N, C-alpha and C. Protein backbone atom coordinates (compact mmCIF):
# COMPACT_ATOMS: atom_id res chain seq x y z
N LEU A 1 -43.81 50.62 93.50
CA LEU A 1 -43.11 51.82 93.02
C LEU A 1 -43.76 52.30 91.74
N GLU A 2 -44.24 53.51 91.76
CA GLU A 2 -44.91 54.07 90.57
C GLU A 2 -43.99 55.10 89.96
N LEU A 3 -43.52 54.82 88.74
CA LEU A 3 -42.58 55.72 88.10
C LEU A 3 -43.29 56.70 87.16
N SER A 4 -44.48 56.36 86.70
CA SER A 4 -45.29 57.27 85.85
C SER A 4 -44.51 57.90 84.73
N GLY A 5 -43.75 57.10 83.97
CA GLY A 5 -43.02 57.63 82.82
C GLY A 5 -41.71 58.29 83.16
N ARG A 6 -41.34 58.39 84.41
CA ARG A 6 -40.08 59.06 84.79
C ARG A 6 -38.92 58.06 84.85
N ALA A 7 -37.72 58.60 84.82
CA ALA A 7 -36.54 57.82 85.09
C ALA A 7 -36.11 58.07 86.51
N VAL A 8 -35.86 57.01 87.27
CA VAL A 8 -35.43 57.12 88.66
C VAL A 8 -34.14 56.34 88.82
N THR A 9 -33.16 56.99 89.44
CA THR A 9 -31.86 56.31 89.72
C THR A 9 -31.80 55.94 91.17
N VAL A 10 -31.38 54.68 91.44
CA VAL A 10 -31.21 54.20 92.78
C VAL A 10 -29.77 53.74 92.92
N VAL A 11 -29.09 54.24 93.94
CA VAL A 11 -27.70 53.88 94.20
C VAL A 11 -27.70 53.21 95.57
N ALA A 12 -27.22 51.98 95.63
CA ALA A 12 -27.23 51.22 96.91
C ALA A 12 -25.96 50.40 97.02
N SER A 13 -25.49 50.28 98.26
CA SER A 13 -24.31 49.45 98.50
C SER A 13 -24.36 48.75 99.87
N VAL A 14 -23.67 47.63 99.95
CA VAL A 14 -23.58 46.86 101.18
C VAL A 14 -22.15 46.39 101.32
N GLY A 15 -21.57 46.50 102.50
CA GLY A 15 -20.21 46.07 102.70
C GLY A 15 -20.08 44.55 102.62
N ALA A 16 -20.93 43.84 103.30
CA ALA A 16 -20.95 42.37 103.27
C ALA A 16 -22.37 41.87 103.40
N GLY A 17 -22.67 40.82 102.65
CA GLY A 17 -24.03 40.23 102.72
C GLY A 17 -24.68 40.24 101.35
N GLN A 18 -25.98 40.40 101.36
CA GLN A 18 -26.78 40.35 100.14
C GLN A 18 -27.52 41.64 99.93
N LEU A 19 -27.48 42.11 98.68
CA LEU A 19 -28.24 43.26 98.26
C LEU A 19 -29.20 42.78 97.22
N ARG A 20 -30.51 42.83 97.54
CA ARG A 20 -31.55 42.31 96.68
C ARG A 20 -32.50 43.40 96.26
N VAL A 21 -32.75 43.50 94.96
CA VAL A 21 -33.72 44.51 94.41
C VAL A 21 -34.78 43.75 93.62
N VAL A 22 -36.05 44.04 93.90
CA VAL A 22 -37.16 43.47 93.13
C VAL A 22 -37.78 44.65 92.37
N ALA A 23 -37.62 44.65 91.05
CA ALA A 23 -38.11 45.72 90.24
C ALA A 23 -39.55 45.48 89.76
N PRO A 24 -40.30 46.53 89.54
CA PRO A 24 -41.67 46.32 89.00
C PRO A 24 -41.61 45.60 87.67
N PRO A 25 -42.64 44.89 87.33
CA PRO A 25 -42.62 44.01 86.15
C PRO A 25 -42.58 44.74 84.79
N ASP A 26 -43.03 45.98 84.74
CA ASP A 26 -43.21 46.62 83.44
C ASP A 26 -42.28 47.83 83.17
N VAL A 27 -41.41 48.20 84.10
CA VAL A 27 -40.52 49.34 83.86
C VAL A 27 -39.27 48.93 83.08
N GLY A 28 -38.72 49.89 82.38
CA GLY A 28 -37.44 49.67 81.74
C GLY A 28 -36.37 49.60 82.83
N LEU A 29 -35.33 48.84 82.61
CA LEU A 29 -34.25 48.69 83.58
C LEU A 29 -32.90 48.92 82.95
N ARG A 30 -32.08 49.64 83.67
CA ARG A 30 -30.64 49.74 83.34
C ARG A 30 -29.95 49.40 84.62
N VAL A 31 -29.16 48.32 84.63
CA VAL A 31 -28.56 47.82 85.87
C VAL A 31 -27.04 47.82 85.68
N ASP A 32 -26.33 48.41 86.64
CA ASP A 32 -24.89 48.26 86.73
C ASP A 32 -24.61 47.72 88.12
N ALA A 33 -24.22 46.47 88.20
CA ALA A 33 -24.07 45.79 89.52
C ALA A 33 -22.65 45.20 89.62
N ARG A 34 -22.04 45.34 90.79
CA ARG A 34 -20.66 44.88 91.00
C ARG A 34 -20.52 44.30 92.39
N ALA A 35 -19.59 43.35 92.49
CA ALA A 35 -19.17 42.81 93.79
C ALA A 35 -17.62 42.79 93.81
N THR A 36 -17.06 43.05 94.95
CA THR A 36 -15.61 42.93 95.06
C THR A 36 -15.25 41.41 95.04
N LEU A 37 -16.03 40.64 95.77
CA LEU A 37 -15.88 39.20 95.81
C LEU A 37 -17.23 38.57 96.05
N GLY A 38 -17.65 37.71 95.15
CA GLY A 38 -18.94 37.07 95.32
C GLY A 38 -19.63 36.86 94.03
N ALA A 39 -20.94 37.20 93.99
CA ALA A 39 -21.77 36.91 92.80
C ALA A 39 -22.67 38.11 92.49
N VAL A 40 -22.92 38.24 91.19
CA VAL A 40 -23.87 39.25 90.69
C VAL A 40 -24.86 38.46 89.86
N ASP A 41 -26.15 38.53 90.22
CA ASP A 41 -27.23 37.86 89.53
C ASP A 41 -28.25 38.89 89.11
N VAL A 42 -28.29 39.20 87.84
CA VAL A 42 -29.18 40.22 87.28
C VAL A 42 -30.11 39.58 86.28
N LEU A 43 -31.36 39.49 86.63
CA LEU A 43 -32.40 39.01 85.71
C LEU A 43 -31.97 37.66 85.06
N ASP A 44 -31.57 36.74 85.95
CA ASP A 44 -31.16 35.38 85.58
C ASP A 44 -29.86 35.29 84.76
N ARG A 45 -29.06 36.34 84.80
CA ARG A 45 -27.71 36.30 84.25
C ARG A 45 -26.75 36.37 85.44
N THR A 46 -25.79 35.49 85.53
CA THR A 46 -24.92 35.40 86.69
C THR A 46 -23.46 35.56 86.36
N TRP A 47 -22.76 36.33 87.20
CA TRP A 47 -21.32 36.50 87.12
C TRP A 47 -20.79 36.22 88.52
N GLU A 48 -19.70 35.47 88.66
CA GLU A 48 -19.16 35.08 89.95
C GLU A 48 -17.67 35.21 90.01
N GLY A 49 -17.17 35.27 91.25
CA GLY A 49 -15.70 35.25 91.44
C GLY A 49 -15.17 36.52 92.06
N ILE A 50 -13.99 36.89 91.63
CA ILE A 50 -13.36 38.12 92.11
C ILE A 50 -13.71 39.22 91.15
N GLY A 51 -14.35 40.28 91.67
CA GLY A 51 -14.71 41.45 90.86
C GLY A 51 -15.77 41.25 89.78
N PRO A 52 -16.80 40.41 90.03
CA PRO A 52 -17.82 40.26 88.97
C PRO A 52 -18.59 41.52 88.76
N LYS A 53 -18.93 41.78 87.50
CA LYS A 53 -19.69 42.96 87.12
C LYS A 53 -20.81 42.50 86.18
N GLY A 54 -22.00 43.07 86.37
CA GLY A 54 -23.08 42.77 85.45
C GLY A 54 -23.72 44.03 85.03
N ARG A 55 -23.87 44.19 83.70
CA ARG A 55 -24.55 45.31 83.11
C ARG A 55 -25.66 44.79 82.21
N VAL A 56 -26.89 45.19 82.50
CA VAL A 56 -28.02 44.72 81.71
C VAL A 56 -28.97 45.86 81.48
N VAL A 57 -29.45 45.96 80.23
CA VAL A 57 -30.48 46.95 79.88
C VAL A 57 -31.67 46.19 79.29
N GLU A 58 -32.83 46.50 79.79
CA GLU A 58 -34.08 45.90 79.26
C GLU A 58 -35.11 46.96 79.08
N ALA A 59 -35.77 46.93 77.93
CA ALA A 59 -36.87 47.88 77.68
C ALA A 59 -38.11 47.46 78.53
N GLY A 60 -38.90 48.43 78.82
CA GLY A 60 -40.12 48.22 79.57
C GLY A 60 -41.32 48.56 78.72
N ARG A 61 -42.47 48.54 79.36
CA ARG A 61 -43.71 48.93 78.69
C ARG A 61 -43.66 50.45 78.41
N GLU A 62 -44.18 50.85 77.28
CA GLU A 62 -44.25 52.27 76.89
C GLU A 62 -44.94 53.07 77.98
N GLY A 63 -44.30 54.13 78.46
CA GLY A 63 -44.91 55.00 79.44
C GLY A 63 -44.72 54.54 80.90
N ALA A 64 -44.12 53.38 81.10
CA ALA A 64 -43.99 52.85 82.47
C ALA A 64 -42.80 53.46 83.22
N GLY A 65 -41.89 54.07 82.50
CA GLY A 65 -40.75 54.68 83.17
C GLY A 65 -39.52 53.78 83.13
N ARG A 66 -38.44 54.29 83.69
CA ARG A 66 -37.18 53.55 83.67
C ARG A 66 -36.57 53.61 85.06
N LEU A 67 -36.05 52.47 85.51
CA LEU A 67 -35.36 52.37 86.78
C LEU A 67 -33.87 52.12 86.49
N VAL A 68 -33.02 53.02 86.96
CA VAL A 68 -31.57 52.88 86.75
C VAL A 68 -31.00 52.44 88.10
N LEU A 69 -30.36 51.30 88.15
CA LEU A 69 -29.82 50.73 89.38
C LEU A 69 -28.33 50.70 89.33
N ARG A 70 -27.70 51.32 90.32
CA ARG A 70 -26.22 51.25 90.51
C ARG A 70 -25.99 50.57 91.85
N LEU A 71 -25.60 49.30 91.80
CA LEU A 71 -25.55 48.44 92.97
C LEU A 71 -24.13 47.92 93.19
N ARG A 72 -23.71 47.93 94.49
CA ARG A 72 -22.39 47.43 94.85
C ARG A 72 -22.47 46.62 96.13
N VAL A 73 -21.66 45.57 96.18
CA VAL A 73 -21.49 44.81 97.41
C VAL A 73 -20.00 44.48 97.54
N GLY A 74 -19.50 44.59 98.76
CA GLY A 74 -18.10 44.25 98.99
C GLY A 74 -17.90 42.75 98.87
N VAL A 75 -18.34 42.02 99.84
CA VAL A 75 -18.26 40.55 99.84
C VAL A 75 -19.71 40.03 99.97
N GLY A 76 -20.16 39.30 98.98
CA GLY A 76 -21.49 38.77 99.04
C GLY A 76 -22.15 38.68 97.65
N GLN A 77 -23.43 39.03 97.59
CA GLN A 77 -24.22 38.83 96.40
C GLN A 77 -25.09 40.05 96.13
N VAL A 78 -25.15 40.40 94.83
CA VAL A 78 -26.14 41.36 94.33
C VAL A 78 -27.14 40.57 93.53
N GLU A 79 -28.42 40.76 93.79
CA GLU A 79 -29.45 40.09 93.01
C GLU A 79 -30.53 41.09 92.58
N VAL A 80 -30.84 41.02 91.30
CA VAL A 80 -31.91 41.88 90.76
C VAL A 80 -32.89 40.96 90.02
N ARG A 81 -34.15 41.09 90.36
CA ARG A 81 -35.19 40.32 89.66
C ARG A 81 -36.42 41.16 89.50
N ARG A 82 -37.35 40.75 88.71
CA ARG A 82 -38.62 41.45 88.53
C ARG A 82 -39.72 40.83 89.38
N ALA A 83 -40.60 41.67 89.89
CA ALA A 83 -41.79 41.19 90.59
C ALA A 83 -42.73 40.51 89.57
N PRO A 84 -43.50 39.55 90.03
CA PRO A 84 -44.48 38.95 89.10
C PRO A 84 -45.48 39.97 88.63
N ALA A 85 -45.95 39.80 87.44
CA ALA A 85 -46.92 40.72 86.84
C ALA A 85 -48.29 40.57 87.47
């Protein structure tokens, strides 16, 4: 995914199961992830149980752009990690 200095918003949801996002290694990230029941694992930070929510903001490399993720799962797991550099 080439962001070329732009901000891109991705909205994704799954009723049941796993929602996994692998972000580029150098972009800025703003993540808002929720599950009705299950787990939210965002960049090695984990929230579990009923209604877990994870909000994480990380700066990226200058000029690499920003990825804004709005992720939801009903029952299951949301996982966000970075691709290897």
